[in-house]
PDB file of N, CA and C in Angstrom:
ATOM      1  N   MET A   1     121.287   3.690  84.369  1.00  0.00           N
ATOM      2  CA  MET A   1     120.521   3.694  83.162  1.00  0.00           C
ATOM      3  C   MET A   1     121.188   2.790  82.141  1.00  0.00           C
ATOM      4  N   ALA A   2     120.388   2.027  81.467  1.00  0.00           N
ATOM      5  CA  ALA A   2     120.920   1.088  80.481  1.00  0.00           C
ATOM      6  C   ALA A   2     120.533   1.523  79.076  1.00  0.00           C
ATOM      7  N   ASN A   3     121.336   1.164  78.115  1.00  0.00           N
ATOM      8  CA  ASN A   3     121.029   1.424  76.713  1.00  0.00           C
ATOM      9  C   ASN A   3     120.131   0.320  76.177  1.00  0.00           C
ATOM     10  N   VAL A   4     119.162   0.721  75.370  1.00  0.00           N
ATOM     11  CA  VAL A   4     118.268  -0.255  74.755  1.00  0.00           C
ATOM     12  C   VAL A   4     118.488  -0.180  73.251  1.00  0.00           C
ATOM     13  N   ASN A   5     118.782  -1.291  72.661  1.00  0.00           N
ATOM     14  CA  ASN A   5     118.985  -1.351  71.213  1.00  0.00           C
ATOM     15  C   ASN A   5     117.816  -2.086  70.577  1.00  0.00           C
ATOM     16  N   LEU A   6     117.178  -1.439  69.617  1.00  0.00           N
ATOM     17  CA  LEU A   6     116.089  -2.063  68.868  1.00  0.00           C
ATOM     18  C   LEU A   6     116.601  -2.464  67.499  1.00  0.00           C
ATOM     19  N   PRO A   7     116.084  -3.542  66.959  1.00  0.00           N
ATOM     20  CA  PRO A   7     116.436  -3.887  65.576  1.00  0.00           C
ATOM     21  C   PRO A   7     115.951  -2.769  64.638  1.00  0.00           C
ATOM     22  N   ALA A   8     116.686  -2.502  63.588  1.00  0.00           N
ATOM     23  CA  ALA A   8     116.363  -1.419  62.653  1.00  0.00           C
ATOM     24  C   ALA A   8     114.938  -1.498  62.113  1.00  0.00           C
ATOM     25  N   PRO A   9     114.417  -2.662  61.704  1.00  0.00           N
ATOM     26  CA  PRO A   9     113.044  -2.699  61.190  1.00  0.00           C
ATOM     27  C   PRO A   9     112.010  -2.269  62.230  1.00  0.00           C
ATOM     28  N   VAL A  10     112.227  -2.609  63.489  1.00  0.00           N
ATOM     29  CA  VAL A  10     111.288  -2.215  64.544  1.00  0.00           C
ATOM     30  C   VAL A  10     111.343  -0.698  64.748  1.00  0.00           C
ATOM     31  N   ALA A  11     112.538  -0.134  64.732  1.00  0.00           N
ATOM     32  CA  ALA A  11     112.684   1.309  64.894  1.00  0.00           C
ATOM     33  C   ALA A  11     112.028   2.056  63.730  1.00  0.00           C
ATOM     34  N   PHE A  12     112.232   1.585  62.504  1.00  0.00           N
ATOM     35  CA  PHE A  12     111.623   2.225  61.333  1.00  0.00           C
ATOM     36  C   PHE A  12     110.101   2.100  61.373  1.00  0.00           C
ATOM     37  N   ALA A  13     109.582   0.960  61.773  1.00  0.00           N
ATOM     38  CA  ALA A  13     108.137   0.772  61.869  1.00  0.00           C
ATOM     39  C   ALA A  13     107.549   1.707  62.916  1.00  0.00           C
ATOM     40  N   GLY A  14     108.224   1.861  64.040  1.00  0.00           N
ATOM     41  CA  GLY A  14     107.755   2.780  65.079  1.00  0.00           C
ATOM     42  C   GLY A  14     107.741   4.213  64.593  1.00  0.00           C
ATOM     43  N   ALA A  15     108.784   4.620  63.879  1.00  0.00           N
ATOM     44  CA  ALA A  15     108.850   5.980  63.330  1.00  0.00           C
ATOM     45  C   ALA A  15     107.749   6.206  62.298  1.00  0.00           C
ATOM     46  N   ALA A  16     107.494   5.203  61.471  1.00  0.00           N
ATOM     47  CA  ALA A  16     106.433   5.323  60.460  1.00  0.00           C
ATOM     48  C   ALA A  16     105.059   5.455  61.124  1.00  0.00           C
ATOM     49  N   LEU A  17     104.826   4.686  62.165  1.00  0.00           N
ATOM     50  CA  LEU A  17     103.547   4.783  62.876  1.00  0.00           C
ATOM     51  C   LEU A  17     103.374   6.151  63.532  1.00  0.00           C
ATOM     52  N   CYS A  18     104.427   6.689  64.101  1.00  0.00           N
ATOM     53  CA  CYS A  18     104.357   8.032  64.699  1.00  0.00           C
ATOM     54  C   CYS A  18     104.050   9.089  63.634  1.00  0.00           C
ATOM     55  N   ALA A  19     104.724   8.999  62.495  1.00  0.00           N
ATOM     56  CA  ALA A  19     104.482   9.958  61.418  1.00  0.00           C
ATOM     57  C   ALA A  19     103.060   9.848  60.888  1.00  0.00           C
ATOM     58  N   LEU A  20     102.574   8.629  60.700  1.00  0.00           N
ATOM     59  CA  LEU A  20     101.211   8.432  60.218  1.00  0.00           C
ATOM     60  C   LEU A  20     100.202   8.963  61.228  1.00  0.00           C
ATOM     61  N   GLY A  21     100.432   8.691  62.502  1.00  0.00           N
ATOM     62  CA  GLY A  21      99.537   9.195  63.548  1.00  0.00           C
ATOM     63  C   GLY A  21      99.500  10.708  63.571  1.00  0.00           C
ATOM     64  N   GLY A  22     100.655  11.346  63.435  1.00  0.00           N
ATOM     65  CA  GLY A  22     100.709  12.815  63.393  1.00  0.00           C
ATOM     66  C   GLY A  22      99.973  13.375  62.195  1.00  0.00           C
ATOM     67  N   TYR A  23     100.134  12.727  61.056  1.00  0.00           N
ATOM     68  CA  TYR A  23      99.430  13.167  59.852  1.00  0.00           C
ATOM     69  C   TYR A  23      97.916  13.074  60.039  1.00  0.00           C
ATOM     70  N   LEU A  24      97.443  11.951  60.544  1.00  0.00           N
ATOM     71  CA  LEU A  24      96.007  11.764  60.745  1.00  0.00           C
ATOM     72  C   LEU A  24      95.440  12.761  61.743  1.00  0.00           C
ATOM     73  N   ILE A  25      96.155  13.020  62.809  1.00  0.00           N
ATOM     74  CA  ILE A  25      95.695  14.018  63.784  1.00  0.00           C
ATOM     75  C   ILE A  25      95.641  15.395  63.129  1.00  0.00           C
ATOM     76  N   GLY A  26      96.630  15.723  62.321  1.00  0.00           N
ATOM     77  CA  GLY A  26      96.644  17.010  61.628  1.00  0.00           C
ATOM     78  C   GLY A  26      95.494  17.159  60.647  1.00  0.00           C
ATOM     79  N   VAL A  27      95.154  16.088  59.947  1.00  0.00           N
ATOM     80  CA  VAL A  27      94.047  16.142  58.989  1.00  0.00           C
ATOM     81  C   VAL A  27      92.719  16.318  59.707  1.00  0.00           C
ATOM     82  N   VAL A  28      92.529  15.601  60.789  1.00  0.00           N
ATOM     83  CA  VAL A  28      91.257  15.650  61.512  1.00  0.00           C
ATOM     84  C   VAL A  28      91.119  16.936  62.315  1.00  0.00           C
ATOM     85  N   ALA A  29      92.159  17.324  63.019  1.00  0.00           N
ATOM     86  CA  ALA A  29      92.071  18.467  63.930  1.00  0.00           C
ATOM     87  C   ALA A  29      92.613  19.759  63.337  1.00  0.00           C
ATOM     88  N   GLY A  30      93.235  19.703  62.180  1.00  0.00           N
ATOM     89  CA  GLY A  30      93.854  20.884  61.588  1.00  0.00           C
ATOM     90  C   GLY A  30      92.849  21.821  60.943  1.00  0.00           C
ATOM     91  N   PRO A  31      93.326  22.956  60.472  1.00  0.00           N
ATOM     92  CA  PRO A  31      92.440  23.940  59.844  1.00  0.00           C
ATOM     93  C   PRO A  31      91.924  23.449  58.501  1.00  0.00           C
ATOM     94  N   ASP A  32      90.771  23.999  58.088  1.00  0.00           N
ATOM     95  CA  ASP A  32      90.228  23.663  56.775  1.00  0.00           C
ATOM     96  C   ASP A  32      91.106  24.287  55.703  1.00  0.00           C
ATOM     97  N   THR A  33      91.322  23.567  54.638  1.00  0.00           N
ATOM     98  CA  THR A  33      92.096  24.094  53.527  1.00  0.00           C
ATOM     99  C   THR A  33      91.143  24.650  52.478  1.00  0.00           C
ATOM    100  N   THR A  34      91.676  25.504  51.624  1.00  0.00           N
ATOM    101  CA  THR A  34      90.846  26.014  50.555  1.00  0.00           C
ATOM    102  C   THR A  34      90.582  24.911  49.552  1.00  0.00           C
ATOM    103  N   SER A  35      89.445  24.961  48.928  1.00  0.00           N
ATOM    104  CA  SER A  35      89.138  23.960  47.922  1.00  0.00           C
ATOM    105  C   SER A  35      88.636  24.672  46.676  1.00  0.00           C
ATOM    106  N   ARG A  36      88.972  24.128  45.552  1.00  0.00           N
ATOM    107  CA  ARG A  36      88.533  24.725  44.289  1.00  0.00           C
ATOM    108  C   ARG A  36      87.114  24.268  44.011  1.00  0.00           C
ATOM    109  N   THR A  37      86.247  25.203  43.721  1.00  0.00           N
ATOM    110  CA  THR A  37      84.860  24.907  43.432  1.00  0.00           C
ATOM    111  C   THR A  37      84.485  25.538  42.102  1.00  0.00           C
ATOM    112  N   THR A  38      83.336  25.157  41.593  1.00  0.00           N
ATOM    113  CA  THR A  38      82.888  25.663  40.303  1.00  0.00           C
ATOM    114  C   THR A  38      81.568  26.397  40.464  1.00  0.00           C
ATOM    115  N   ALA A  39      81.442  27.524  39.795  1.00  0.00           N
ATOM    116  CA  ALA A  39      80.213  28.324  39.817  1.00  0.00           C
ATOM    117  C   ALA A  39      79.989  28.917  38.429  1.00  0.00           C
ATOM    118  N   GLU A  40      78.878  29.614  38.284  1.00  0.00           N
ATOM    119  CA  GLU A  40      78.531  30.235  37.004  1.00  0.00           C
ATOM    120  C   GLU A  40      78.814  31.730  37.067  1.00  0.00           C
ATOM    121  N   VAL A  41      79.387  32.257  35.988  1.00  0.00           N
ATOM    122  CA  VAL A  41      79.696  33.687  35.908  1.00  0.00           C
ATOM    123  C   VAL A  41      78.404  34.465  35.679  1.00  0.00           C
ATOM    124  N   VAL A  42      78.167  35.461  36.534  1.00  0.00           N
ATOM    125  CA  VAL A  42      77.015  36.356  36.375  1.00  0.00           C
ATOM    126  C   VAL A  42      77.441  37.588  35.589  1.00  0.00           C
ATOM    127  N   SER A  43      78.605  38.144  35.968  1.00  0.00           N
ATOM    128  CA  SER A  43      79.108  39.318  35.256  1.00  0.00           C
ATOM    129  C   SER A  43      80.604  39.468  35.479  1.00  0.00           C
ATOM    130  N   TYR A  44      81.237  40.193  34.559  1.00  0.00           N
ATOM    131  CA  TYR A  44      82.657  40.510  34.686  1.00  0.00           C
ATOM    132  C   TYR A  44      82.894  41.877  34.082  1.00  0.00           C
ATOM    133  N   ASP A  45      83.541  42.774  34.853  1.00  0.00           N
ATOM    134  CA  ASP A  45      83.889  44.109  34.386  1.00  0.00           C
ATOM    135  C   ASP A  45      85.396  44.132  34.134  1.00  0.00           C
ATOM    136  N   ALA A  46      85.791  44.222  32.871  1.00  0.00           N
ATOM    137  CA  ALA A  46      87.208  44.157  32.497  1.00  0.00           C
ATOM    138  C   ALA A  46      87.998  45.349  33.023  1.00  0.00           C
ATOM    139  N   ASP A  47      87.357  46.499  33.182  1.00  0.00           N
ATOM    140  CA  ASP A  47      88.076  47.687  33.659  1.00  0.00           C
ATOM    141  C   ASP A  47      88.458  47.568  35.133  1.00  0.00           C
ATOM    142  N   SER A  48      87.535  47.123  35.959  1.00  0.00           N
ATOM    143  CA  SER A  48      87.799  47.025  37.402  1.00  0.00           C
ATOM    144  C   SER A  48      88.193  45.614  37.830  1.00  0.00           C
ATOM    145  N   HIS A  49      88.073  44.654  36.912  1.00  0.00           N
ATOM    146  CA  HIS A  49      88.348  43.235  37.178  1.00  0.00           C
ATOM    147  C   HIS A  49      87.380  42.649  38.215  1.00  0.00           C
ATOM    148  N   GLU A  50      86.200  43.256  38.342  1.00  0.00           N
ATOM    149  CA  GLU A  50      85.210  42.720  39.279  1.00  0.00           C
ATOM    150  C   GLU A  50      84.456  41.567  38.618  1.00  0.00           C
ATOM    151  N   LEU A  51      84.452  40.437  39.303  1.00  0.00           N
ATOM    152  CA  LEU A  51      83.813  39.226  38.829  1.00  0.00           C
ATOM    153  C   LEU A  51      82.722  38.844  39.814  1.00  0.00           C
ATOM    154  N   CYS A  52      81.547  38.497  39.303  1.00  0.00           N
ATOM    155  CA  CYS A  52      80.446  38.042  40.150  1.00  0.00           C
ATOM    156  C   CYS A  52      80.050  36.633  39.727  1.00  0.00           C
ATOM    157  N   LEU A  53      79.898  35.754  40.714  1.00  0.00           N
ATOM    158  CA  LEU A  53      79.569  34.352  40.485  1.00  0.00           C
ATOM    159  C   LEU A  53      78.322  33.977  41.255  1.00  0.00           C
ATOM    160  N   THR A  54      77.653  32.910  40.783  1.00  0.00           N
ATOM    161  CA  THR A  54      76.492  32.383  41.479  1.00  0.00           C
ATOM    162  C   THR A  54      76.481  30.861  41.335  1.00  0.00           C
ATOM    163  N   GLY A  55      75.715  30.205  42.188  1.00  0.00           N
ATOM    164  CA  GLY A  55      75.613  28.747  42.137  1.00  0.00           C
ATOM    165  C   GLY A  55      75.617  28.152  43.528  1.00  0.00           C
ATOM    166  N   ASP A  56      75.471  26.832  43.589  1.00  0.00           N
ATOM    167  CA  ASP A  56      75.426  26.135  44.875  1.00  0.00           C
ATOM    168  C   ASP A  56      76.721  26.310  45.663  1.00  0.00           C
ATOM    169  N   ALA A  57      77.853  26.265  44.999  1.00  0.00           N
ATOM    170  CA  ALA A  57      79.137  26.398  45.680  1.00  0.00           C
ATOM    171  C   ALA A  57      79.298  27.784  46.294  1.00  0.00           C
ATOM    172  N   VAL A  58      78.732  28.791  45.668  1.00  0.00           N
ATOM    173  CA  VAL A  58      78.836  30.164  46.157  1.00  0.00           C
ATOM    174  C   VAL A  58      77.926  30.390  47.360  1.00  0.00           C
ATOM    175  N   ALA A  59      76.755  29.780  47.360  1.00  0.00           N
ATOM    176  CA  ALA A  59      75.776  29.998  48.427  1.00  0.00           C
ATOM    177  C   ALA A  59      76.321  29.600  49.795  1.00  0.00           C
ATOM    178  N   ASP A  60      77.228  28.636  49.840  1.00  0.00           N
ATOM    179  CA  ASP A  60      77.773  28.155  51.111  1.00  0.00           C
ATOM    180  C   ASP A  60      78.927  29.005  51.641  1.00  0.00           C
ATOM    181  N   LEU A  61      79.437  29.925  50.842  1.00  0.00           N
ATOM    182  CA  LEU A  61      80.605  30.704  51.237  1.00  0.00           C
ATOM    183  C   LEU A  61      80.222  31.865  52.146  1.00  0.00           C
ATOM    184  N   GLN A  62      81.095  32.148  53.084  1.00  0.00           N
ATOM    185  CA  GLN A  62      80.895  33.240  54.030  1.00  0.00           C
ATOM    186  C   GLN A  62      80.878  34.596  53.315  1.00  0.00           C
ATOM    187  N   GLU A  63      81.651  34.713  52.247  1.00  0.00           N
ATOM    188  CA  GLU A  63      81.761  35.984  51.522  1.00  0.00           C
ATOM    189  C   GLU A  63      80.576  36.276  50.607  1.00  0.00           C
ATOM    190  N   SER A  64      79.704  35.308  50.395  1.00  0.00           N
ATOM    191  CA  SER A  64      78.605  35.510  49.448  1.00  0.00           C
ATOM    192  C   SER A  64      77.505  36.354  50.062  1.00  0.00           C
ATOM    193  N   ASP A  65      76.786  37.033  49.199  1.00  0.00           N
ATOM    194  CA  ASP A  65      75.675  37.882  49.611  1.00  0.00           C
ATOM    195  C   ASP A  65      74.456  37.470  48.797  1.00  0.00           C
ATOM    196  N   ASP A  66      73.483  36.858  49.441  1.00  0.00           N
ATOM    197  CA  ASP A  66      72.259  36.372  48.785  1.00  0.00           C
ATOM    198  C   ASP A  66      72.572  35.428  47.623  1.00  0.00           C
ATOM    199  N   GLY A  67      73.514  34.500  47.826  1.00  0.00           N
ATOM    200  CA  GLY A  67      73.839  33.506  46.805  1.00  0.00           C
ATOM    201  C   GLY A  67      74.668  34.040  45.667  1.00  0.00           C
ATOM    202  N   ARG A  68      75.263  35.204  45.864  1.00  0.00           N
ATOM    203  CA  ARG A  68      76.083  35.833  44.822  1.00  0.00           C
ATOM    204  C   ARG A  68      77.414  36.246  45.434  1.00  0.00           C
ATOM    205  N   LEU A  69      78.499  35.943  44.748  1.00  0.00           N
ATOM    206  CA  LEU A  69      79.835  36.297  45.221  1.00  0.00           C
ATOM    207  C   LEU A  69      80.471  37.250  44.230  1.00  0.00           C
ATOM    208  N   CYS A  70      80.907  38.399  44.709  1.00  0.00           N
ATOM    209  CA  CYS A  70      81.595  39.364  43.857  1.00  0.00           C
ATOM    210  C   CYS A  70      82.940  39.706  44.482  1.00  0.00           C
ATOM    211  N   GLY A  71      83.942  39.868  43.634  1.00  0.00           N
ATOM    212  CA  GLY A  71      85.272  40.215  44.111  1.00  0.00           C
ATOM    213  C   GLY A  71      86.190  40.510  42.952  1.00  0.00           C
ATOM    214  N   THR A  72      87.425  40.815  43.266  1.00  0.00           N
ATOM    215  CA  THR A  72      88.432  41.124  42.255  1.00  0.00           C
ATOM    216  C   THR A  72      89.023  39.831  41.719  1.00  0.00           C
ATOM    217  N   TRP A  73      88.997  39.658  40.397  1.00  0.00           N
ATOM    218  CA  TRP A  73      89.491  38.436  39.759  1.00  0.00           C
ATOM    219  C   TRP A  73      90.993  38.513  39.578  1.00  0.00           C
ATOM    220  N   ARG A  74      91.680  37.452  39.971  1.00  0.00           N
ATOM    221  CA  ARG A  74      93.124  37.298  39.774  1.00  0.00           C
ATOM    222  C   ARG A  74      93.356  35.996  39.026  1.00  0.00           C
ATOM    223  N   SER A  75      94.191  36.036  37.986  1.00  0.00           N
ATOM    224  CA  SER A  75      94.454  34.813  37.212  1.00  0.00           C
ATOM    225  C   SER A  75      95.733  34.964  36.413  1.00  0.00           C
ATOM    226  N   ALA A  76      96.062  33.900  35.708  1.00  0.00           N
ATOM    227  CA  ALA A  76      97.199  33.941  34.796  1.00  0.00           C
ATOM    228  C   ALA A  76      96.873  34.878  33.635  1.00  0.00           C
ATOM    229  N   GLN A  77      97.882  35.463  33.042  1.00  0.00           N
ATOM    230  CA  GLN A  77      97.652  36.445  31.981  1.00  0.00           C
ATOM    231  C   GLN A  77      97.013  35.857  30.734  1.00  0.00           C
ATOM    232  N   ARG A  78      97.230  34.592  30.464  1.00  0.00           N
ATOM    233  CA  ARG A  78      96.702  33.993  29.241  1.00  0.00           C
ATOM    234  C   ARG A  78      95.318  33.379  29.423  1.00  0.00           C
ATOM    235  N   SER A  79      94.709  33.561  30.578  1.00  0.00           N
ATOM    236  CA  SER A  79      93.382  33.003  30.817  1.00  0.00           C
ATOM    237  C   SER A  79      92.344  33.763  30.007  1.00  0.00           C
ATOM    238  N   PRO A  80      91.368  33.034  29.451  1.00  0.00           N
ATOM    239  CA  PRO A  80      90.301  33.730  28.723  1.00  0.00           C
ATOM    240  C   PRO A  80      89.444  34.540  29.692  1.00  0.00           C
ATOM    241  N   ARG A  81      88.962  35.660  29.217  1.00  0.00           N
ATOM    242  CA  ARG A  81      88.096  36.502  30.063  1.00  0.00           C
ATOM    243  C   ARG A  81      86.767  35.804  30.291  1.00  0.00           C
ATOM    244  N   PRO A  82      86.299  35.828  31.523  1.00  0.00           N
ATOM    245  CA  PRO A  82      85.001  35.202  31.800  1.00  0.00           C
ATOM    246  C   PRO A  82      83.864  35.996  31.170  1.00  0.00           C
ATOM    247  N   GLN A  83      82.868  35.269  30.691  1.00  0.00           N
ATOM    248  CA  GLN A  83      81.679  35.887  30.122  1.00  0.00           C
ATOM    249  C   GLN A  83      80.463  35.320  30.832  1.00  0.00           C
ATOM    250  N   GLU A  84      79.384  36.042  30.810  1.00  0.00           N
ATOM    251  CA  GLU A  84      78.153  35.615  31.467  1.00  0.00           C
ATOM    252  C   GLU A  84      77.771  34.208  31.005  1.00  0.00           C
ATOM    253  N   GLY A  85      77.502  33.332  31.975  1.00  0.00           N
ATOM    254  CA  GLY A  85      77.096  31.969  31.674  1.00  0.00           C
ATOM    255  C   GLY A  85      78.231  30.956  31.682  1.00  0.00           C
ATOM    256  N   ASP A  86      79.497  31.422  31.667  1.00  0.00           N
ATOM    257  CA  ASP A  86      80.644  30.510  31.703  1.00  0.00           C
ATOM    258  C   ASP A  86      80.703  29.771  33.039  1.00  0.00           C
ATOM    259  N   GLN A  87      81.225  28.555  32.998  1.00  0.00           N
ATOM    260  CA  GLN A  87      81.540  27.823  34.227  1.00  0.00           C
ATOM    261  C   GLN A  87      82.928  28.268  34.660  1.00  0.00           C
ATOM    262  N   PHE A  88      83.081  28.540  35.948  1.00  0.00           N
ATOM    263  CA  PHE A  88      84.307  29.134  36.454  1.00  0.00           C
ATOM    264  C   PHE A  88      84.778  28.370  37.682  1.00  0.00           C
ATOM    265  N   ARG A  89      85.990  27.828  37.639  1.00  0.00           N
ATOM    266  CA  ARG A  89      86.580  27.117  38.786  1.00  0.00           C
ATOM    267  C   ARG A  89      87.427  28.110  39.559  1.00  0.00           C
ATOM    268  N   PHE A  90      87.230  28.176  40.892  1.00  0.00           N
ATOM    269  CA  PHE A  90      87.845  29.254  41.658  1.00  0.00           C
ATOM    270  C   PHE A  90      88.166  28.886  43.100  1.00  0.00           C
ATOM    271  N   VAL A  91      88.976  29.752  43.709  1.00  0.00           N
ATOM    272  CA  VAL A  91      89.271  29.753  45.140  1.00  0.00           C
ATOM    273  C   VAL A  91      89.085  31.190  45.596  1.00  0.00           C
ATOM    274  N   VAL A  92      88.502  31.380  46.770  1.00  0.00           N
ATOM    275  CA  VAL A  92      88.243  32.722  47.292  1.00  0.00           C
ATOM    276  C   VAL A  92      89.159  32.996  48.473  1.00  0.00           C
ATOM    277  N   MET A  93      89.718  34.199  48.497  1.00  0.00           N
ATOM    278  CA  MET A  93      90.505  34.649  49.648  1.00  0.00           C
ATOM    279  C   MET A  93      90.033  36.046  50.011  1.00  0.00           C
ATOM    280  N   SER A  94      89.829  36.265  51.303  1.00  0.00           N
ATOM    281  CA  SER A  94      89.418  37.576  51.784  1.00  0.00           C
ATOM    282  C   SER A  94      90.464  38.118  52.733  1.00  0.00           C
ATOM    283  N   SER A  95      90.610  39.433  52.718  1.00  0.00           N
ATOM    284  CA  SER A  95      91.517  40.081  53.655  1.00  0.00           C
ATOM    285  C   SER A  95      90.838  41.323  54.198  1.00  0.00           C
ATOM    286  N   GLU A  96      91.131  41.600  55.455  1.00  0.00           N
ATOM    287  CA  GLU A  96      90.528  42.762  56.098  1.00  0.00           C
ATOM    288  C   GLU A  96      91.642  43.716  56.474  1.00  0.00           C
ATOM    289  N   GLY A  97      91.482  44.947  56.073  1.00  0.00           N
ATOM    290  CA  GLY A  97      92.485  45.966  56.391  1.00  0.00           C
ATOM    291  C   GLY A  97      91.836  47.324  56.466  1.00  0.00           C
ATOM    292  N   GLN A  98      92.145  48.073  57.483  1.00  0.00           N
ATOM    293  CA  GLN A  98      91.616  49.415  57.698  1.00  0.00           C
ATOM    294  C   GLN A  98      90.093  49.428  57.681  1.00  0.00           C
ATOM    295  N   GLY A  99      89.496  48.406  58.312  1.00  0.00           N
ATOM    296  CA  GLY A  99      88.044  48.334  58.419  1.00  0.00           C
ATOM    297  C   GLY A  99      87.325  47.950  57.140  1.00  0.00           C
ATOM    298  N   GLU A 100      88.069  47.560  56.128  1.00  0.00           N
ATOM    299  CA  GLU A 100      87.480  47.218  54.838  1.00  0.00           C
ATOM    300  C   GLU A 100      87.841  45.778  54.470  1.00  0.00           C
ATOM    301  N   VAL A 101      86.874  45.032  53.962  1.00  0.00           N
ATOM    302  CA  VAL A 101      87.114  43.650  53.559  1.00  0.00           C
ATOM    303  C   VAL A 101      87.283  43.601  52.043  1.00  0.00           C
ATOM    304  N   SER A 102      88.378  42.992  51.593  1.00  0.00           N
ATOM    305  CA  SER A 102      88.625  42.811  50.171  1.00  0.00           C
ATOM    306  C   SER A 102      88.489  41.331  49.835  1.00  0.00           C
ATOM    307  N   THR A 103      87.751  41.048  48.777  1.00  0.00           N
ATOM    308  CA  THR A 103      87.568  39.671  48.344  1.00  0.00           C
ATOM    309  C   THR A 103      88.272  39.481  47.006  1.00  0.00           C
ATOM    310  N   PHE A 104      89.124  38.450  46.950  1.00  0.00           N
ATOM    311  CA  PHE A 104      89.850  38.124  45.711  1.00  0.00           C
ATOM    312  C   PHE A 104      89.427  36.749  45.250  1.00  0.00           C
ATOM    313  N   ILE A 105      89.122  36.638  43.968  1.00  0.00           N
ATOM    314  CA  ILE A 105      88.710  35.376  43.366  1.00  0.00           C
ATOM    315  C   ILE A 105      89.827  34.928  42.427  1.00  0.00           C
ATOM    316  N   TYR A 106      90.433  33.806  42.753  1.00  0.00           N
ATOM    317  CA  TYR A 106      91.509  33.230  41.940  1.00  0.00           C
ATOM    318  C   TYR A 106      90.934  32.060  41.161  1.00  0.00           C
ATOM    319  N   GLY A 107      91.064  32.080  39.852  1.00  0.00           N
ATOM    320  CA  GLY A 107      90.551  30.962  39.081  1.00  0.00           C
ATOM    321  C   GLY A 107      90.511  31.248  37.599  1.00  0.00           C
ATOM    322  N   ASP A 108      89.880  30.317  36.893  1.00  0.00           N
ATOM    323  CA  ASP A 108      89.816  30.396  35.436  1.00  0.00           C
ATOM    324  C   ASP A 108      88.522  29.800  34.918  1.00  0.00           C
ATOM    325  N   VAL A 109      88.192  30.156  33.702  1.00  0.00           N
ATOM    326  CA  VAL A 109      87.036  29.597  33.018  1.00  0.00           C
ATOM    327  C   VAL A 109      87.302  28.135  32.723  1.00  0.00           C
ATOM    328  N   VAL A 110      86.296  27.289  32.949  1.00  0.00           N
ATOM    329  CA  VAL A 110      86.420  25.865  32.660  1.00  0.00           C
ATOM    330  C   VAL A 110      86.142  25.681  31.185  1.00  0.00           C
ATOM    331  N   GLU A 111      87.104  25.108  30.471  1.00  0.00           N
ATOM    332  CA  GLU A 111      86.926  24.931  29.027  1.00  0.00           C
ATOM    333  C   GLU A 111      86.544  23.520  28.707  1.00  0.00           C
TER     334      GLU A 111
END
């Protein structure tokens, strides 16, 4: 077996191409990432933190029911409380435990 020595620029170019190829394969074949979308606030209950949203972005979500998404709102403490008619930018996460599905809405009112 013989040793093969490549010039440093050729080795770096080869490594860069491998990394780029891996990234592209990961983007195309990898899992979908969450995306922030905007919807309109239908209602918000401050006691239970239940937030309901509607709009085109909500209609496409698996968690929505008849074009309406309701779940527990999670946000930073200084965020303004959502009111009916507000535009709301959000990400949805669902978890299933003990036969029950919990929906959490992370986001804030668009100012």
